[in-house]
Amino acid sequence: MFDSLDDQIKQDDQAASSPKERILVWISVAVVSVVVFGGLYMGIRLLE
């Protein structure tokens, strides 16, 4: 029962977003992460 539900959820997720959309999401996550951690790093460097 749970295996088929898990498979159905995976199919729904894949159908909901195209590969191009998923790549754009990952790129945006990477950019936001670099900006946030870069800002933290620069903030710490300025305090020294």
N, C-alpha and C. Protein backbone atom coordinates (compact mmCIF):
# COMPACT_ATOMS: atom_id res chain seq x y z
N MET A 1 0.83 -1.19 0.00
CA MET A 1 0.00 0.00 0.00
C MET A 1 0.88 1.26 0.00
N PHE A 2 1.85 1.32 0.92
CA PHE A 2 2.66 2.52 1.03
C PHE A 2 3.63 2.66 -0.13
N ASP A 3 4.09 1.54 -0.69
CA ASP A 3 4.98 1.61 -1.85
C ASP A 3 4.26 2.24 -3.03
N SER A 4 3.02 1.85 -3.26
CA SER A 4 2.28 2.42 -4.39
C SER A 4 1.98 3.90 -4.15
N LEU A 5 1.73 4.29 -2.91
CA LEU A 5 1.50 5.69 -2.59
C LEU A 5 2.76 6.50 -2.84
N ASP A 6 3.90 5.97 -2.43
CA ASP A 6 5.18 6.65 -2.65
C ASP A 6 5.46 6.80 -4.14
N ASP A 7 5.19 5.77 -4.91
CA ASP A 7 5.38 5.84 -6.36
C ASP A 7 4.45 6.89 -6.99
N GLN A 8 3.23 6.95 -6.51
CA GLN A 8 2.26 7.93 -7.03
C GLN A 8 2.72 9.35 -6.73
N ILE A 9 3.25 9.58 -5.53
CA ILE A 9 3.74 10.91 -5.16
C ILE A 9 4.91 11.31 -6.06
N LYS A 10 5.81 10.37 -6.33
CA LYS A 10 6.95 10.66 -7.20
C LYS A 10 6.49 10.99 -8.62
N GLN A 11 5.51 10.25 -9.11
CA GLN A 11 4.98 10.52 -10.45
C GLN A 11 4.32 11.89 -10.51
N ASP A 12 3.58 12.24 -9.48
CA ASP A 12 2.92 13.54 -9.45
C ASP A 12 3.93 14.67 -9.41
N ASP A 13 5.00 14.51 -8.65
CA ASP A 13 6.05 15.53 -8.57
C ASP A 13 6.75 15.71 -9.90
N GLN A 14 7.01 14.62 -10.59
CA GLN A 14 7.69 14.72 -11.88
C GLN A 14 6.77 15.33 -12.93
N ALA A 15 5.51 15.04 -12.86
CA ALA A 15 4.58 15.59 -13.84
C ALA A 15 4.33 17.08 -13.58
N ALA A 16 4.45 17.50 -12.34
CA ALA A 16 4.15 18.88 -11.99
C ALA A 16 5.22 19.85 -12.46
N SER A 17 6.47 19.41 -12.55
CA SER A 17 7.53 20.32 -12.97
C SER A 17 8.39 19.67 -14.06
N SER A 18 8.74 20.48 -15.02
CA SER A 18 9.57 19.99 -16.12
C SER A 18 11.03 19.97 -15.66
N PRO A 19 11.87 19.26 -16.38
CA PRO A 19 13.30 19.25 -16.03
C PRO A 19 13.92 20.66 -16.04
N LYS A 20 13.46 21.50 -16.96
CA LYS A 20 13.98 22.87 -17.02
C LYS A 20 13.62 23.64 -15.76
N GLU A 21 12.40 23.46 -15.27
CA GLU A 21 11.97 24.15 -14.05
C GLU A 21 12.78 23.67 -12.85
N ARG A 22 13.04 22.35 -12.78
CA ARG A 22 13.82 21.82 -11.66
C ARG A 22 15.25 22.36 -11.68
N ILE A 23 15.84 22.48 -12.88
CA ILE A 23 17.19 23.01 -12.98
C ILE A 23 17.22 24.47 -12.53
N LEU A 24 16.21 25.24 -12.95
CA LEU A 24 16.14 26.64 -12.53
C LEU A 24 15.98 26.77 -11.02
N VAL A 25 15.23 25.89 -10.42
CA VAL A 25 15.05 25.92 -8.96
C VAL A 25 16.39 25.65 -8.28
N TRP A 26 17.13 24.63 -8.74
CA TRP A 26 18.42 24.30 -8.13
C TRP A 26 19.43 25.42 -8.32
N ILE A 27 19.42 26.05 -9.51
CA ILE A 27 20.33 27.17 -9.74
C ILE A 27 19.99 28.34 -8.82
N SER A 28 18.72 28.62 -8.66
CA SER A 28 18.32 29.72 -7.78
C SER A 28 18.66 29.41 -6.32
N VAL A 29 18.52 28.17 -5.91
CA VAL A 29 18.91 27.78 -4.54
C VAL A 29 20.41 27.98 -4.36
N ALA A 30 21.21 27.60 -5.35
CA ALA A 30 22.66 27.76 -5.27
C ALA A 30 23.04 29.24 -5.19
N VAL A 31 22.40 30.07 -6.00
CA VAL A 31 22.70 31.50 -6.00
C VAL A 31 22.35 32.13 -4.66
N VAL A 32 21.18 31.81 -4.15
CA VAL A 32 20.75 32.36 -2.85
C VAL A 32 21.69 31.90 -1.75
N SER A 33 22.13 30.65 -1.79
CA SER A 33 23.05 30.13 -0.78
C SER A 33 24.38 30.87 -0.82
N VAL A 34 24.91 31.09 -2.02
CA VAL A 34 26.18 31.81 -2.15
C VAL A 34 26.03 33.25 -1.63
N VAL A 35 24.92 33.90 -1.94
CA VAL A 35 24.71 35.27 -1.48
C VAL A 35 24.61 35.32 0.04
N VAL A 36 23.84 34.41 0.63
CA VAL A 36 23.66 34.41 2.09
C VAL A 36 24.98 34.11 2.80
N PHE A 37 25.65 33.03 2.40
CA PHE A 37 26.89 32.67 3.08
C PHE A 37 28.01 33.66 2.77
N GLY A 38 28.01 34.21 1.57
CA GLY A 38 28.98 35.26 1.24
C GLY A 38 28.76 36.49 2.09
N GLY A 39 27.51 36.87 2.28
CA GLY A 39 27.19 38.00 3.14
C GLY A 39 27.61 37.77 4.58
N LEU A 40 27.37 36.58 5.07
CA LEU A 40 27.81 36.26 6.44
C LEU A 40 29.32 36.31 6.56
N TYR A 41 30.00 35.77 5.56
CA TYR A 41 31.46 35.77 5.57
C TYR A 41 32.00 37.20 5.53
N MET A 42 31.45 38.03 4.65
CA MET A 42 31.91 39.41 4.56
C MET A 42 31.58 40.19 5.84
N GLY A 43 30.44 39.90 6.44
CA GLY A 43 30.09 40.55 7.70
C GLY A 43 31.07 40.20 8.80
N ILE A 44 31.46 38.95 8.88
CA ILE A 44 32.44 38.53 9.90
C ILE A 44 33.80 39.16 9.62
N ARG A 45 34.18 39.22 8.33
CA ARG A 45 35.46 39.82 7.97
C ARG A 45 35.48 41.31 8.34
N LEU A 46 34.35 42.00 8.17
CA LEU A 46 34.32 43.42 8.49
C LEU A 46 34.38 43.68 10.00
N LEU A 47 33.96 42.70 10.80
CA LEU A 47 34.01 42.86 12.26
C LEU A 47 35.42 42.71 12.82
N GLU A 48 36.29 42.07 12.05
CA GLU A 48 37.65 41.83 12.54
C GLU A 48 38.51 43.06 12.47
